[in-house]
PDB file of N, CA and C in Angstrom:
ATOM      1  N   UNK A   1     -16.927  47.804 -51.129  1.00  0.00           N
ATOM      2  CA  UNK A   1     -17.621  46.110 -51.141  1.00  0.00           C
ATOM      3  C   UNK A   1     -16.304  45.540 -50.243  1.00  0.00           C
ATOM      4  N   UNK A   2     -16.963  44.580 -49.639  1.00  0.00           N
ATOM      5  CA  UNK A   2     -16.406  43.194 -49.066  1.00  0.00           C
ATOM      6  C   UNK A   2     -16.394  41.818 -49.640  1.00  0.00           C
ATOM      7  N   UNK A   3     -15.371  41.223 -49.524  1.00  0.00           N
ATOM      8  CA  UNK A   3     -15.715  39.706 -49.864  1.00  0.00           C
ATOM      9  C   UNK A   3     -16.115  38.928 -48.833  1.00  0.00           C
ATOM     10  N   UNK A   4     -16.969  38.786 -48.890  1.00  0.00           N
ATOM     11  CA  UNK A   4     -17.334  37.238 -48.011  1.00  0.00           C
ATOM     12  C   UNK A   4     -17.740  35.723 -48.811  1.00  0.00           C
ATOM     13  N   UNK A   5     -17.349  35.094 -47.443  1.00  0.00           N
ATOM     14  CA  UNK A   5     -17.685  33.596 -47.997  1.00  0.00           C
ATOM     15  C   UNK A   5     -18.674  32.992 -46.878  1.00  0.00           C
ATOM     16  N   UNK A   6     -19.623  32.353 -47.754  1.00  0.00           N
ATOM     17  CA  UNK A   6     -21.002  31.542 -46.802  1.00  0.00           C
ATOM     18  C   UNK A   6     -20.897  29.717 -46.684  1.00  0.00           C
ATOM     19  N   UNK A   7     -21.145  29.568 -45.931  1.00  0.00           N
ATOM     20  CA  UNK A   7     -21.184  27.848 -46.050  1.00  0.00           C
ATOM     21  C   UNK A   7     -22.849  28.117 -45.680  1.00  0.00           C
ATOM     22  N   UNK A   8     -23.011  27.197 -46.020  1.00  0.00           N
ATOM     23  CA  UNK A   8     -25.324  26.769 -45.303  1.00  0.00           C
ATOM     24  C   UNK A   8     -24.713  25.276 -45.891  1.00  0.00           C
ATOM     25  N   UNK A   9     -25.669  24.792 -44.413  1.00  0.00           N
ATOM     26  CA  UNK A   9     -26.073  23.046 -44.568  1.00  0.00           C
ATOM     27  C   UNK A   9     -27.780  23.029 -44.600  1.00  0.00           C
ATOM     28  N   UNK A  10     -28.138  22.432 -46.001  1.00  0.00           N
ATOM     29  CA  UNK A  10     -29.226  22.096 -46.314  1.00  0.00           C
ATOM     30  C   UNK A  10     -29.870  20.701 -45.997  1.00  0.00           C
ATOM     31  N   UNK A  11     -31.182  20.737 -45.247  1.00  0.00           N
ATOM     32  CA  UNK A  11     -31.745  19.223 -44.579  1.00  0.00           C
ATOM     33  C   UNK A  11     -31.511  18.509 -46.019  1.00  0.00           C
ATOM     34  N   UNK A  12     -31.212  17.119 -45.841  1.00  0.00           N
ATOM     35  CA  UNK A  12     -31.138  16.025 -46.046  1.00  0.00           C
ATOM     36  C   UNK A  12     -32.206  15.188 -46.980  1.00  0.00           C
ATOM     37  N   UNK A  13     -33.352  15.642 -46.472  1.00  0.00           N
ATOM     38  CA  UNK A  13     -34.840  15.286 -47.093  1.00  0.00           C
ATOM     39  C   UNK A  13     -35.450  15.817 -47.836  1.00  0.00           C
ATOM     40  N   UNK A  14     -34.568  16.721 -49.166  1.00  0.00           N
ATOM     41  CA  UNK A  14     -35.036  17.666 -49.903  1.00  0.00           C
ATOM     42  C   UNK A  14     -34.173  16.403 -51.316  1.00  0.00           C
ATOM     43  N   UNK A  15     -34.945  16.828 -52.238  1.00  0.00           N
ATOM     44  CA  UNK A  15     -34.159  16.297 -53.601  1.00  0.00           C
ATOM     45  C   UNK A  15     -33.322  17.230 -54.325  1.00  0.00           C
ATOM     46  N   UNK A  16     -32.737  16.594 -55.426  1.00  0.00           N
ATOM     47  CA  UNK A  16     -31.981  17.374 -56.321  1.00  0.00           C
ATOM     48  C   UNK A  16     -32.254  18.838 -56.264  1.00  0.00           C
ATOM     49  N   UNK A  17     -33.559  18.512 -57.215  1.00  0.00           N
ATOM     50  CA  UNK A  17     -34.314  19.939 -57.870  1.00  0.00           C
ATOM     51  C   UNK A  17     -34.433  20.952 -56.783  1.00  0.00           C
ATOM     52  N   UNK A  18     -34.973  20.630 -55.441  1.00  0.00           N
ATOM     53  CA  UNK A  18     -35.460  21.504 -54.401  1.00  0.00           C
ATOM     54  C   UNK A  18     -34.066  22.273 -53.627  1.00  0.00           C
ATOM     55  N   UNK A  19     -33.081  21.352 -53.680  1.00  0.00           N
ATOM     56  CA  UNK A  19     -31.804  21.868 -53.342  1.00  0.00           C
ATOM     57  C   UNK A  19     -31.231  22.587 -54.473  1.00  0.00           C
ATOM     58  N   UNK A  20     -31.538  22.326 -55.462  1.00  0.00           N
ATOM     59  CA  UNK A  20     -30.872  23.825 -56.318  1.00  0.00           C
ATOM     60  C   UNK A  20     -32.180  24.950 -56.601  1.00  0.00           C
ATOM     61  N   UNK A  21     -32.981  24.597 -56.366  1.00  0.00           N
ATOM     62  CA  UNK A  21     -33.828  25.664 -56.497  1.00  0.00           C
ATOM     63  C   UNK A  21     -33.861  26.343 -55.240  1.00  0.00           C
ATOM     64  N   UNK A  22     -33.157  25.840 -53.691  1.00  0.00           N
ATOM     65  CA  UNK A  22     -33.125  26.900 -52.492  1.00  0.00           C
ATOM     66  C   UNK A  22     -31.730  27.655 -52.536  1.00  0.00           C
ATOM     67  N   UNK A  23     -30.196  26.721 -53.481  1.00  0.00           N
ATOM     68  CA  UNK A  23     -29.166  27.570 -52.977  1.00  0.00           C
ATOM     69  C   UNK A  23     -29.436  28.950 -54.262  1.00  0.00           C
ATOM     70  N   UNK A  24     -30.441  28.668 -55.411  1.00  0.00           N
ATOM     71  CA  UNK A  24     -30.541  29.501 -56.523  1.00  0.00           C
ATOM     72  C   UNK A  24     -31.640  30.795 -55.546  1.00  0.00           C
ATOM     73  N   UNK A  25     -32.107  30.522 -54.750  1.00  0.00           N
ATOM     74  CA  UNK A  25     -32.690  31.582 -54.433  1.00  0.00           C
ATOM     75  C   UNK A  25     -31.927  32.496 -53.018  1.00  0.00           C
ATOM     76  N   UNK A  26     -30.965  31.844 -52.710  1.00  0.00           N
ATOM     77  CA  UNK A  26     -29.710  32.266 -51.867  1.00  0.00           C
ATOM     78  C   UNK A  26     -29.145  32.979 -52.788  1.00  0.00           C
ATOM     79  N   UNK A  27     -28.520  32.528 -53.728  1.00  0.00           N
ATOM     80  CA  UNK A  27     -27.813  33.342 -54.738  1.00  0.00           C
ATOM     81  C   UNK A  27     -28.550  34.762 -55.022  1.00  0.00           C
ATOM     82  N   UNK A  28     -29.690  34.562 -56.034  1.00  0.00           N
ATOM     83  CA  UNK A  28     -30.588  35.859 -55.771  1.00  0.00           C
ATOM     84  C   UNK A  28     -30.636  36.809 -54.881  1.00  0.00           C
ATOM     85  N   UNK A  29     -30.657  36.106 -53.713  1.00  0.00           N
ATOM     86  CA  UNK A  29     -30.979  37.164 -52.208  1.00  0.00           C
ATOM     87  C   UNK A  29     -29.332  38.091 -52.672  1.00  0.00           C
ATOM     88  N   UNK A  30     -28.248  37.880 -52.926  1.00  0.00           N
ATOM     89  CA  UNK A  30     -27.453  38.053 -52.816  1.00  0.00           C
ATOM     90  C   UNK A  30     -27.197  39.283 -53.954  1.00  0.00           C
ATOM     91  N   UNK A  31     -27.309  38.833 -54.840  1.00  0.00           N
ATOM     92  CA  UNK A  31     -27.345  39.663 -56.171  1.00  0.00           C
ATOM     93  C   UNK A  31     -28.622  40.491 -55.809  1.00  0.00           C
ATOM     94  N   UNK A  32     -29.694  40.700 -55.656  1.00  0.00           N
ATOM     95  CA  UNK A  32     -30.669  41.649 -55.281  1.00  0.00           C
ATOM     96  C   UNK A  32     -30.352  42.911 -54.363  1.00  0.00           C
ATOM     97  N   UNK A  33     -29.195  42.199 -53.425  1.00  0.00           N
ATOM     98  CA  UNK A  33     -28.726  43.261 -52.264  1.00  0.00           C
ATOM     99  C   UNK A  33     -27.273  44.142 -52.923  1.00  0.00           C
ATOM    100  N   UNK A  34     -27.136  44.047 -54.482  1.00  0.00           N
ATOM    101  CA  UNK A  34     -26.012  44.602 -54.997  1.00  0.00           C
ATOM    102  C   UNK A  34     -24.773  44.171 -54.794  1.00  0.00           C
ATOM    103  N   UNK A  35     -25.045  42.565 -54.922  1.00  0.00           N
ATOM    104  CA  UNK A  35     -24.011  41.900 -54.506  1.00  0.00           C
ATOM    105  C   UNK A  35     -23.707  40.964 -55.709  1.00  0.00           C
ATOM    106  N   UNK A  36     -21.710  40.172 -55.647  1.00  0.00           N
ATOM    107  CA  UNK A  36     -21.752  39.648 -57.261  1.00  0.00           C
ATOM    108  C   UNK A  36     -21.027  38.667 -56.289  1.00  0.00           C
ATOM    109  N   UNK A  37     -21.453  37.137 -57.380  1.00  0.00           N
ATOM    110  CA  UNK A  37     -21.382  36.036 -56.563  1.00  0.00           C
ATOM    111  C   UNK A  37     -19.816  36.209 -57.416  1.00  0.00           C
ATOM    112  N   UNK A  38     -18.660  35.519 -56.648  1.00  0.00           N
ATOM    113  CA  UNK A  38     -17.347  35.210 -57.448  1.00  0.00           C
ATOM    114  C   UNK A  38     -17.366  33.928 -58.103  1.00  0.00           C
ATOM    115  N   UNK A  39     -17.780  32.572 -56.959  1.00  0.00           N
ATOM    116  CA  UNK A  39     -17.415  31.509 -57.146  1.00  0.00           C
ATOM    117  C   UNK A  39     -18.439  30.759 -56.266  1.00  0.00           C
ATOM    118  N   UNK A  40     -19.252  29.284 -56.728  1.00  0.00           N
ATOM    119  CA  UNK A  40     -19.715  28.626 -56.047  1.00  0.00           C
ATOM    120  C   UNK A  40     -19.434  27.406 -55.869  1.00  0.00           C
ATOM    121  N   UNK A  41     -19.542  26.283 -54.437  1.00  0.00           N
ATOM    122  CA  UNK A  41     -19.375  25.220 -54.868  1.00  0.00           C
ATOM    123  C   UNK A  41     -20.039  24.422 -53.921  1.00  0.00           C
ATOM    124  N   UNK A  42     -20.753  23.215 -54.604  1.00  0.00           N
ATOM    125  CA  UNK A  42     -21.772  22.229 -54.172  1.00  0.00           C
ATOM    126  C   UNK A  42     -21.086  20.992 -53.590  1.00  0.00           C
ATOM    127  N   UNK A  43     -20.635  20.772 -52.192  1.00  0.00           N
ATOM    128  CA  UNK A  43     -20.113  20.202 -51.286  1.00  0.00           C
ATOM    129  C   UNK A  43     -20.831  18.495 -51.000  1.00  0.00           C
ATOM    130  N   UNK A  44     -21.966  18.761 -51.674  1.00  0.00           N
ATOM    131  CA  UNK A  44     -22.898  17.358 -51.865  1.00  0.00           C
ATOM    132  C   UNK A  44     -23.402  16.802 -50.530  1.00  0.00           C
ATOM    133  N   UNK A  45     -23.838  16.210 -50.195  1.00  0.00           N
ATOM    134  CA  UNK A  45     -24.255  15.389 -49.113  1.00  0.00           C
ATOM    135  C   UNK A  45     -23.331  15.145 -48.524  1.00  0.00           C
ATOM    136  N   UNK A  46     -22.718  15.541 -46.649  1.00  0.00           N
ATOM    137  CA  UNK A  46     -22.101  15.111 -46.135  1.00  0.00           C
ATOM    138  C   UNK A  46     -22.227  14.453 -44.533  1.00  0.00           C
ATOM    139  N   UNK A  47     -21.927  13.486 -43.682  1.00  0.00           N
ATOM    140  CA  UNK A  47     -22.169  13.125 -42.565  1.00  0.00           C
ATOM    141  C   UNK A  47     -21.891  14.641 -41.347  1.00  0.00           C
ATOM    142  N   UNK A  48     -22.761  14.906 -40.967  1.00  0.00           N
ATOM    143  CA  UNK A  48     -22.650  16.144 -40.018  1.00  0.00           C
ATOM    144  C   UNK A  48     -21.596  15.773 -38.374  1.00  0.00           C
ATOM    145  N   UNK A  49     -20.980  16.828 -37.910  1.00  0.00           N
ATOM    146  CA  UNK A  49     -20.493  16.512 -36.970  1.00  0.00           C
ATOM    147  C   UNK A  49     -21.596  16.136 -35.977  1.00  0.00           C
ATOM    148  N   UNK A  50     -22.481  16.351 -35.571  1.00  0.00           N
ATOM    149  CA  UNK A  50     -23.353  15.936 -34.516  1.00  0.00           C
ATOM    150  C   UNK A  50     -24.854  16.356 -35.080  1.00  0.00           C
ATOM    151  N   UNK A  51     -25.934  15.382 -34.764  1.00  0.00           N
ATOM    152  CA  UNK A  51     -27.218  15.885 -34.699  1.00  0.00           C
ATOM    153  C   UNK A  51     -27.592  17.033 -34.814  1.00  0.00           C
ATOM    154  N   UNK A  52     -28.377  17.528 -36.108  1.00  0.00           N
ATOM    155  CA  UNK A  52     -29.487  18.808 -36.200  1.00  0.00           C
ATOM    156  C   UNK A  52     -30.575  18.414 -36.324  1.00  0.00           C
ATOM    157  N   UNK A  53     -31.350  18.551 -35.128  1.00  0.00           N
ATOM    158  CA  UNK A  53     -33.510  18.388 -35.482  1.00  0.00           C
ATOM    159  C   UNK A  53     -32.973  16.816 -35.750  1.00  0.00           C
ATOM    160  N   UNK A  54     -32.445  16.217 -35.436  1.00  0.00           N
ATOM    161  CA  UNK A  54     -32.387  14.493 -35.868  1.00  0.00           C
ATOM    162  C   UNK A  54     -31.851  14.038 -36.980  1.00  0.00           C
ATOM    163  N   UNK A  55     -31.396  14.777 -37.603  1.00  0.00           N
ATOM    164  CA  UNK A  55     -30.584  14.542 -39.068  1.00  0.00           C
ATOM    165  C   UNK A  55     -28.956  14.147 -38.972  1.00  0.00           C
ATOM    166  N   UNK A  56     -28.643  13.163 -39.461  1.00  0.00           N
ATOM    167  CA  UNK A  56     -27.271  13.312 -39.476  1.00  0.00           C
ATOM    168  C   UNK A  56     -26.127  13.634 -40.870  1.00  0.00           C
ATOM    169  N   UNK A  57     -27.123  14.071 -41.447  1.00  0.00           N
ATOM    170  CA  UNK A  57     -26.622  13.763 -42.692  1.00  0.00           C
ATOM    171  C   UNK A  57     -27.160  15.914 -43.449  1.00  0.00           C
ATOM    172  N   UNK A  58     -26.831  16.294 -44.371  1.00  0.00           N
ATOM    173  CA  UNK A  58     -26.596  17.669 -44.760  1.00  0.00           C
ATOM    174  C   UNK A  58     -26.522  17.679 -45.976  1.00  0.00           C
ATOM    175  N   UNK A  59     -26.447  18.795 -47.218  1.00  0.00           N
ATOM    176  CA  UNK A  59     -26.233  19.016 -48.420  1.00  0.00           C
ATOM    177  C   UNK A  59     -25.496  20.271 -47.878  1.00  0.00           C
ATOM    178  N   UNK A  60     -23.639  20.289 -47.886  1.00  0.00           N
ATOM    179  CA  UNK A  60     -23.374  21.404 -47.925  1.00  0.00           C
ATOM    180  C   UNK A  60     -22.867  22.445 -49.164  1.00  0.00           C
ATOM    181  N   UNK A  61     -23.278  23.853 -49.124  1.00  0.00           N
ATOM    182  CA  UNK A  61     -22.807  24.399 -50.077  1.00  0.00           C
ATOM    183  C   UNK A  61     -21.509  25.677 -49.745  1.00  0.00           C
ATOM    184  N   UNK A  62     -20.804  26.150 -50.796  1.00  0.00           N
ATOM    185  CA  UNK A  62     -20.272  27.029 -50.322  1.00  0.00           C
ATOM    186  C   UNK A  62     -20.167  28.470 -51.204  1.00  0.00           C
ATOM    187  N   UNK A  63     -20.499  29.879 -51.013  1.00  0.00           N
ATOM    188  CA  UNK A  63     -20.679  30.605 -51.682  1.00  0.00           C
ATOM    189  C   UNK A  63     -19.890  31.723 -51.467  1.00  0.00           C
ATOM    190  N   UNK A  64     -18.978  32.128 -52.273  1.00  0.00           N
ATOM    191  CA  UNK A  64     -17.734  33.318 -52.142  1.00  0.00           C
ATOM    192  C   UNK A  64     -18.748  34.603 -53.040  1.00  0.00           C
ATOM    193  N   UNK A  65     -18.397  36.346 -52.301  1.00  0.00           N
ATOM    194  CA  UNK A  65     -19.215  36.782 -52.763  1.00  0.00           C
ATOM    195  C   UNK A  65     -18.820  38.086 -52.062  1.00  0.00           C
ATOM    196  N   UNK A  66     -19.128  39.317 -53.061  1.00  0.00           N
ATOM    197  CA  UNK A  66     -18.638  40.190 -52.846  1.00  0.00           C
ATOM    198  C   UNK A  66     -19.735  41.021 -52.736  1.00  0.00           C
ATOM    199  N   UNK A  67     -19.994  42.067 -51.625  1.00  0.00           N
ATOM    200  CA  UNK A  67     -21.567  42.619 -51.577  1.00  0.00           C
ATOM    201  C   UNK A  67     -21.059  43.435 -50.478  1.00  0.00           C
ATOM    202  N   UNK A  68     -21.875  44.620 -50.251  1.00  0.00           N
ATOM    203  CA  UNK A  68     -21.732  45.769 -48.806  1.00  0.00           C
ATOM    204  C   UNK A  68     -21.981  44.871 -47.837  1.00  0.00           C
ATOM    205  N   UNK A  69     -21.831  45.597 -46.293  1.00  0.00           N
ATOM    206  CA  UNK A  69     -22.090  45.052 -45.475  1.00  0.00           C
ATOM    207  C   UNK A  69     -23.314  44.514 -45.255  1.00  0.00           C
ATOM    208  N   UNK A  70     -24.369  45.290 -45.088  1.00  0.00           N
ATOM    209  CA  UNK A  70     -26.040  45.373 -44.932  1.00  0.00           C
ATOM    210  C   UNK A  70     -26.233  44.025 -46.296  1.00  0.00           C
ATOM    211  N   UNK A  71     -25.683  43.520 -46.708  1.00  0.00           N
ATOM    212  CA  UNK A  71     -25.956  42.520 -47.318  1.00  0.00           C
ATOM    213  C   UNK A  71     -26.215  41.081 -46.338  1.00  0.00           C
ATOM    214  N   UNK A  72     -25.197  41.044 -45.769  1.00  0.00           N
ATOM    215  CA  UNK A  72     -24.445  40.065 -44.660  1.00  0.00           C
ATOM    216  C   UNK A  72     -25.797  39.719 -43.778  1.00  0.00           C
ATOM    217  N   UNK A  73     -26.271  40.846 -43.391  1.00  0.00           N
ATOM    218  CA  UNK A  73     -27.689  41.226 -42.605  1.00  0.00           C
ATOM    219  C   UNK A  73     -28.803  40.308 -42.900  1.00  0.00           C
ATOM    220  N   UNK A  74     -29.043  40.406 -44.535  1.00  0.00           N
ATOM    221  CA  UNK A  74     -30.169  39.777 -45.000  1.00  0.00           C
ATOM    222  C   UNK A  74     -30.252  38.640 -45.419  1.00  0.00           C
ATOM    223  N   UNK A  75     -28.810  38.751 -45.613  1.00  0.00           N
ATOM    224  CA  UNK A  75     -28.479  37.152 -46.528  1.00  0.00           C
ATOM    225  C   UNK A  75     -29.056  36.167 -45.011  1.00  0.00           C
ATOM    226  N   UNK A  76     -28.243  36.178 -44.229  1.00  0.00           N
ATOM    227  CA  UNK A  76     -28.858  35.612 -42.461  1.00  0.00           C
ATOM    228  C   UNK A  76     -30.062  35.672 -42.120  1.00  0.00           C
ATOM    229  N   UNK A  77     -30.748  36.919 -42.302  1.00  0.00           N
ATOM    230  CA  UNK A  77     -31.870  36.337 -42.321  1.00  0.00           C
ATOM    231  C   UNK A  77     -32.882  35.802 -42.839  1.00  0.00           C
ATOM    232  N   UNK A  78     -32.315  35.962 -44.469  1.00  0.00           N
ATOM    233  CA  UNK A  78     -33.483  34.952 -45.130  1.00  0.00           C
ATOM    234  C   UNK A  78     -32.588  33.476 -44.955  1.00  0.00           C
ATOM    235  N   UNK A  79     -31.477  33.019 -44.133  1.00  0.00           N
ATOM    236  CA  UNK A  79     -31.719  31.637 -43.957  1.00  0.00           C
ATOM    237  C   UNK A  79     -32.232  31.201 -42.729  1.00  0.00           C
ATOM    238  N   UNK A  80     -32.392  32.517 -41.581  1.00  0.00           N
ATOM    239  CA  UNK A  80     -33.297  32.226 -40.314  1.00  0.00           C
ATOM    240  C   UNK A  80     -34.674  32.035 -40.751  1.00  0.00           C
ATOM    241  N   UNK A  81     -35.219  32.843 -41.955  1.00  0.00           N
ATOM    242  CA  UNK A  81     -36.445  32.365 -41.557  1.00  0.00           C
ATOM    243  C   UNK A  81     -36.695  31.214 -42.864  1.00  0.00           C
ATOM    244  N   UNK A  82     -35.423  30.295 -43.853  1.00  0.00           N
ATOM    245  CA  UNK A  82     -35.760  29.067 -44.697  1.00  0.00           C
ATOM    246  C   UNK A  82     -35.772  28.130 -43.841  1.00  0.00           C
ATOM    247  N   UNK A  83     -37.017  27.494 -43.160  1.00  0.00           N
ATOM    248  CA  UNK A  83     -37.180  25.974 -42.695  1.00  0.00           C
ATOM    249  C   UNK A  83     -35.612  25.032 -43.687  1.00  0.00           C
ATOM    250  N   UNK A  84     -35.382  25.010 -44.694  1.00  0.00           N
ATOM    251  CA  UNK A  84     -34.746  24.198 -45.356  1.00  0.00           C
ATOM    252  C   UNK A  84     -32.776  23.871 -44.918  1.00  0.00           C
ATOM    253  N   UNK A  85     -32.833  25.443 -44.198  1.00  0.00           N
ATOM    254  CA  UNK A  85     -31.616  25.541 -43.820  1.00  0.00           C
ATOM    255  C   UNK A  85     -31.382  24.915 -41.903  1.00  0.00           C
ATOM    256  N   UNK A  86     -30.285  24.424 -42.407  1.00  0.00           N
ATOM    257  CA  UNK A  86     -29.987  23.339 -41.037  1.00  0.00           C
ATOM    258  C   UNK A  86     -28.671  24.495 -40.117  1.00  0.00           C
ATOM    259  N   UNK A  87     -28.215  25.027 -40.765  1.00  0.00           N
ATOM    260  CA  UNK A  87     -27.032  25.745 -40.201  1.00  0.00           C
ATOM    261  C   UNK A  87     -26.329  26.745 -41.324  1.00  0.00           C
ATOM    262  N   UNK A  88     -25.568  27.700 -40.580  1.00  0.00           N
ATOM    263  CA  UNK A  88     -24.743  28.399 -41.954  1.00  0.00           C
ATOM    264  C   UNK A  88     -23.691  29.080 -41.263  1.00  0.00           C
ATOM    265  N   UNK A  89     -23.089  29.885 -41.837  1.00  0.00           N
ATOM    266  CA  UNK A  89     -21.854  30.985 -41.342  1.00  0.00           C
ATOM    267  C   UNK A  89     -21.110  31.715 -42.660  1.00  0.00           C
ATOM    268  N   UNK A  90     -21.009  32.720 -42.183  1.00  0.00           N
ATOM    269  CA  UNK A  90     -20.830  33.477 -43.008  1.00  0.00           C
ATOM    270  C   UNK A  90     -19.273  34.627 -42.221  1.00  0.00           C
ATOM    271  N   UNK A  91     -18.220  34.468 -43.219  1.00  0.00           N
ATOM    272  CA  UNK A  91     -17.283  34.539 -42.700  1.00  0.00           C
ATOM    273  C   UNK A  91     -16.373  36.047 -43.757  1.00  0.00           C
ATOM    274  N   UNK A  92     -16.254  37.528 -42.811  1.00  0.00           N
ATOM    275  CA  UNK A  92     -15.479  38.319 -44.021  1.00  0.00           C
ATOM    276  C   UNK A  92     -14.335  37.825 -44.554  1.00  0.00           C
ATOM    277  N   UNK A  93     -13.671  37.876 -45.606  1.00  0.00           N
ATOM    278  CA  UNK A  93     -12.511  37.372 -45.982  1.00  0.00           C
ATOM    279  C   UNK A  93     -11.489  38.741 -45.834  1.00  0.00           C
ATOM    280  N   UNK A  94     -10.689  38.298 -45.604  1.00  0.00           N
ATOM    281  CA  UNK A  94      -9.832  38.815 -45.449  1.00  0.00           C
ATOM    282  C   UNK A  94      -8.505  38.534 -47.009  1.00  0.00           C
ATOM    283  N   UNK A  95      -7.049  39.519 -46.865  1.00  0.00           N
ATOM    284  CA  UNK A  95      -6.805  39.087 -48.013  1.00  0.00           C
ATOM    285  C   UNK A  95      -5.986  37.511 -47.764  1.00  0.00           C
ATOM    286  N   UNK A  96      -5.384  37.356 -46.763  1.00  0.00           N
ATOM    287  CA  UNK A  96      -4.819  35.894 -46.240  1.00  0.00           C
ATOM    288  C   UNK A  96      -5.768  34.724 -46.828  1.00  0.00           C
ATOM    289  N   UNK A  97      -7.267  34.804 -46.243  1.00  0.00           N
ATOM    290  CA  UNK A  97      -8.353  34.273 -46.376  1.00  0.00           C
ATOM    291  C   UNK A  97      -8.546  34.078 -48.275  1.00  0.00           C
ATOM    292  N   UNK A  98      -8.579  35.081 -48.498  1.00  0.00           N
ATOM    293  CA  UNK A  98      -8.881  35.558 -49.860  1.00  0.00           C
ATOM    294  C   UNK A  98      -7.477  34.884 -51.080  1.00  0.00           C
ATOM    295  N   UNK A  99      -6.184  34.485 -50.501  1.00  0.00           N
ATOM    296  CA  UNK A  99      -5.469  34.082 -51.369  1.00  0.00           C
ATOM    297  C   UNK A  99      -5.354  32.730 -51.016  1.00  0.00           C
ATOM    298  N   UNK A 100      -5.463  31.871 -49.838  1.00  0.00           N
ATOM    299  CA  UNK A 100      -5.862  30.517 -49.823  1.00  0.00           C
ATOM    300  C   UNK A 100      -6.909  30.072 -50.374  1.00  0.00           C
ATOM    301  N   UNK A 101      -7.963  30.818 -50.579  1.00  0.00           N
ATOM    302  CA  UNK A 101      -9.301  30.117 -51.275  1.00  0.00           C
ATOM    303  C   UNK A 101      -8.734  30.477 -52.562  1.00  0.00           C
ATOM    304  N   UNK A 102      -8.034  31.485 -53.117  1.00  0.00           N
ATOM    305  CA  UNK A 102      -7.359  30.876 -54.815  1.00  0.00           C
ATOM    306  C   UNK A 102      -6.693  29.788 -54.980  1.00  0.00           C
ATOM    307  N   UNK A 103      -5.714  29.613 -54.177  1.00  0.00           N
ATOM    308  CA  UNK A 103      -4.862  28.602 -54.339  1.00  0.00           C
ATOM    309  C   UNK A 103      -6.357  26.964 -54.064  1.00  0.00           C
ATOM    310  N   UNK A 104      -7.304  26.886 -52.787  1.00  0.00           N
ATOM    311  CA  UNK A 104      -7.749  25.994 -53.061  1.00  0.00           C
ATOM    312  C   UNK A 104      -8.429  26.079 -54.577  1.00  0.00           C
ATOM    313  N   UNK A 105      -9.105  26.700 -54.859  1.00  0.00           N
ATOM    314  CA  UNK A 105      -9.538  26.885 -56.366  1.00  0.00           C
ATOM    315  C   UNK A 105      -8.862  25.965 -57.497  1.00  0.00           C
ATOM    316  N   UNK A 106      -7.627  26.478 -57.054  1.00  0.00           N
ATOM    317  CA  UNK A 106      -5.994  26.084 -57.986  1.00  0.00           C
ATOM    318  C   UNK A 106      -6.369  24.616 -58.251  1.00  0.00           C
ATOM    319  N   UNK A 107      -6.130  24.191 -56.929  1.00  0.00           N
ATOM    320  CA  UNK A 107      -6.017  22.480 -56.238  1.00  0.00           C
ATOM    321  C   UNK A 107      -6.786  22.029 -57.036  1.00  0.00           C
ATOM    322  N   UNK A 108      -8.650  22.414 -56.856  1.00  0.00           N
ATOM    323  CA  UNK A 108      -9.177  21.774 -57.548  1.00  0.00           C
ATOM    324  C   UNK A 108      -9.486  21.520 -58.778  1.00  0.00           C
ATOM    325  N   UNK A 109      -8.864  22.768 -59.292  1.00  0.00           N
ATOM    326  CA  UNK A 109      -9.145  23.001 -61.194  1.00  0.00           C
ATOM    327  C   UNK A 109      -7.983  21.438 -61.338  1.00  0.00           C
ATOM    328  N   UNK A 110      -6.965  21.389 -60.735  1.00  0.00           N
ATOM    329  CA  UNK A 110      -6.191  20.086 -61.337  1.00  0.00           C
ATOM    330  C   UNK A 110      -6.442  18.900 -61.204  1.00  0.00           C
ATOM    331  N   UNK A 111      -7.290  19.188 -60.057  1.00  0.00           N
ATOM    332  CA  UNK A 111      -7.668  17.721 -59.476  1.00  0.00           C
ATOM    333  C   UNK A 111      -8.810  17.315 -60.908  1.00  0.00           C
ATOM    334  N   UNK A 112      -9.499  17.881 -61.105  1.00  0.00           N
ATOM    335  CA  UNK A 112     -10.816  17.132 -62.262  1.00  0.00           C
ATOM    336  C   UNK A 112     -10.497  17.281 -63.441  1.00  0.00           C
TER     337      UNK A 112
END
């Protein structure tokens, strides 16, 4: 199993409940394919670098998970089929990225 990190942007016209429902849908997709979620972050509503479908903001979410390789294909297919998703990006994390992610989590926990 490999460690992956996915960031996806949801359309800003959704309510908080709809955003939570969409995020849970993708977390369940990962779990149903044999993956395990190690960390999630809700970055909230942020301004986009450029307009996407005439929208200037979006709800950002980050998910770190361990899963077999075919899970990424199924997850990205689910992203493509869901009209609530503006953009997504999935990266396979090497050991340096995993170390950096761990340091980021520690920094965030100290701030809270």
